[in-house]
């Protein structure tokens, strides 16, 4: 095995402080941290050995893929024209949103009074459908 050799890296004082803080956080010497970081970056580019194991387990990866497949299917369904009306579900939702949107400077209409007897047409008709 070859003897380790010293190398010089050039960086700004801010970069050096960032590297040192990251190494301390992991409990590694700066040299080990820099080497491991370089190996991980090379592995991510497909240019070197794998530096660390994946963060997700195989089951977690499968679950993530299945979730993305469900989201993709939902997206496709929302973009399909609804039968008989010729608009997509997304367009219908956008219409309802615009219809129900409250403008910030417009006062909200008062809530209907549901505490007493109904008012309106039936009051004018009187009891028994208008027979007085």
Protein backbone atom coordinates (compact mmCIF):
# COMPACT_ATOMS: atom_id res chain seq x y z
CA UNK A 1 0.00 0.00 0.00
CA UNK A 2 1.28 3.42 -0.90
CA UNK A 3 1.98 6.03 1.69
CA UNK A 4 -0.58 8.84 1.79
CA UNK A 5 0.54 12.09 0.21
CA UNK A 6 -0.39 15.59 1.10
CA UNK A 7 -2.38 17.62 -1.43
CA UNK A 8 -3.18 21.30 -1.45
CA UNK A 9 -6.69 22.54 -2.10
CA UNK A 10 -7.48 26.16 -2.79
CA UNK A 11 -10.71 27.67 -1.50
CA UNK A 12 -12.05 30.90 -0.07
CA UNK A 13 -12.12 31.46 3.70
CA UNK A 14 -15.92 31.05 3.63
CA UNK A 15 -15.65 27.74 1.75
CA UNK A 16 -13.00 26.54 4.19
CA UNK A 17 -15.18 27.40 7.18
CA UNK A 18 -18.14 25.62 5.56
CA UNK A 19 -16.07 22.49 4.90
CA UNK A 20 -14.67 22.51 8.44
CA UNK A 21 -18.13 22.92 9.97
CA UNK A 22 -19.52 20.04 7.88
CA UNK A 23 -16.61 17.80 8.87
CA UNK A 24 -17.06 18.64 12.56
CA UNK A 25 -20.79 17.94 12.29
CA UNK A 26 -20.00 14.43 10.97
CA UNK A 27 -17.17 13.93 13.46
CA UNK A 28 -14.60 13.45 10.69
CA UNK A 29 -11.24 15.10 10.11
CA UNK A 30 -11.38 17.63 7.27
CA UNK A 31 -9.20 15.46 4.99
CA UNK A 32 -11.49 12.41 5.37
CA UNK A 33 -14.56 14.59 4.81
CA UNK A 34 -13.12 16.12 1.61
CA UNK A 35 -12.08 12.72 0.23
CA UNK A 36 -15.47 11.13 1.02
CA UNK A 37 -17.28 14.11 -0.53
CA UNK A 38 -15.22 13.82 -3.69
CA UNK A 39 -15.90 10.08 -3.94
CA UNK A 40 -19.65 10.60 -3.42
CA UNK A 41 -19.74 13.32 -6.08
CA UNK A 42 -17.82 11.13 -8.53
CA UNK A 43 -20.18 8.21 -7.84
CA UNK A 44 -23.20 10.47 -8.40
CA UNK A 45 -21.77 11.39 -11.81
CA UNK A 46 -21.08 7.72 -12.53
CA UNK A 47 -17.32 8.30 -12.53
CA UNK A 48 -16.17 6.50 -9.43
CA UNK A 49 -16.91 4.01 -6.66
CA UNK A 50 -20.06 4.26 -4.63
CA UNK A 51 -19.42 6.43 -1.58
CA UNK A 52 -22.49 5.75 0.56
CA UNK A 53 -25.52 3.49 0.62
CA UNK A 54 -28.82 4.83 -0.65
CA UNK A 55 -30.92 6.67 1.91
CA UNK A 56 -34.12 4.83 0.94
CA UNK A 57 -34.66 1.11 1.33
CA UNK A 58 -35.87 -0.95 -1.62
CA UNK A 59 -39.39 -0.99 -0.18
CA UNK A 60 -39.35 2.79 0.29
CA UNK A 61 -38.18 3.24 -3.30
CA UNK A 62 -40.97 0.97 -4.60
CA UNK A 63 -43.52 2.88 -2.53
CA UNK A 64 -42.24 6.17 -3.92
CA UNK A 65 -42.47 4.87 -7.50
CA UNK A 66 -46.02 3.55 -6.90
CA UNK A 67 -47.04 6.93 -5.47
CA UNK A 68 -45.63 8.70 -8.51
CA UNK A 69 -47.50 6.29 -10.80
CA UNK A 70 -50.76 7.08 -8.95
CA UNK A 71 -50.10 10.82 -9.26
CA UNK A 72 -49.36 10.42 -12.97
CA UNK A 73 -52.63 8.50 -13.48
CA UNK A 74 -54.56 11.17 -11.54
CA UNK A 75 -52.96 13.93 -13.63
CA UNK A 76 -53.95 12.11 -16.84
CA UNK A 77 -57.52 11.64 -15.59
CA UNK A 78 -57.85 15.31 -14.66
CA UNK A 79 -56.76 16.30 -18.17
CA UNK A 80 -59.21 13.98 -20.02
CA UNK A 81 -62.43 15.58 -21.30
CA UNK A 82 -65.44 14.73 -19.12
CA UNK A 83 -68.09 12.71 -20.98
CA UNK A 84 -70.88 14.81 -22.45
CA UNK A 85 -69.59 18.28 -21.57
CA UNK A 86 -66.30 18.55 -23.46
CA UNK A 87 -64.26 20.15 -20.68
CA UNK A 88 -61.63 18.54 -18.51
CA UNK A 89 -61.98 18.07 -14.78
CA UNK A 90 -59.22 20.65 -14.30
CA UNK A 91 -61.16 23.19 -16.38
CA UNK A 92 -64.32 22.46 -14.39
CA UNK A 93 -62.44 22.90 -11.10
CA UNK A 94 -60.92 26.16 -12.34
CA UNK A 95 -64.41 27.43 -13.24
CA UNK A 96 -65.79 26.54 -9.79
CA UNK A 97 -62.78 28.17 -8.15
CA UNK A 98 -63.29 31.40 -10.12
CA UNK A 99 -67.02 31.31 -9.34
CA UNK A 100 -66.46 30.90 -5.60
CA UNK A 101 -63.36 33.08 -5.28
CA UNK A 102 -63.82 35.99 -2.91
CA UNK A 103 -62.10 39.20 -3.84
CA UNK A 104 -60.11 40.62 -0.91
CA UNK A 105 -61.57 44.14 -1.21
CA UNK A 106 -65.19 42.97 -1.66
CA UNK A 107 -67.15 42.41 1.57
CA UNK A 108 -68.44 38.90 2.11
CA UNK A 109 -72.20 38.49 1.68
CA UNK A 110 -74.06 37.90 4.94
CA UNK A 111 -74.70 34.30 5.86
CA UNK A 112 -78.33 33.23 5.43
CA UNK A 113 -80.44 33.26 8.58
CA UNK A 114 -81.41 29.69 9.29
CA UNK A 115 -82.52 30.24 12.87
CA UNK A 116 -86.19 30.99 12.20
CA UNK A 117 -88.92 29.94 9.80
CA UNK A 118 -88.09 30.20 6.10
CA UNK A 119 -88.79 33.49 4.42
CA UNK A 120 -89.57 34.31 0.83
CA UNK A 121 -92.02 32.68 -1.56
CA UNK A 122 -93.63 30.35 0.97
CA UNK A 123 -94.33 33.23 3.39
CA UNK A 124 -96.23 35.07 0.69
CA UNK A 125 -98.23 31.98 -0.20
CA UNK A 126 -99.32 31.44 3.37
CA UNK A 127 -100.32 28.12 4.92
CA UNK A 128 -101.32 25.15 2.75
CA UNK A 129 -99.61 26.31 -0.43
CA UNK A 130 -101.24 29.72 -0.78
CA UNK A 131 -104.81 28.93 0.26
CA UNK A 132 -105.71 31.57 2.77
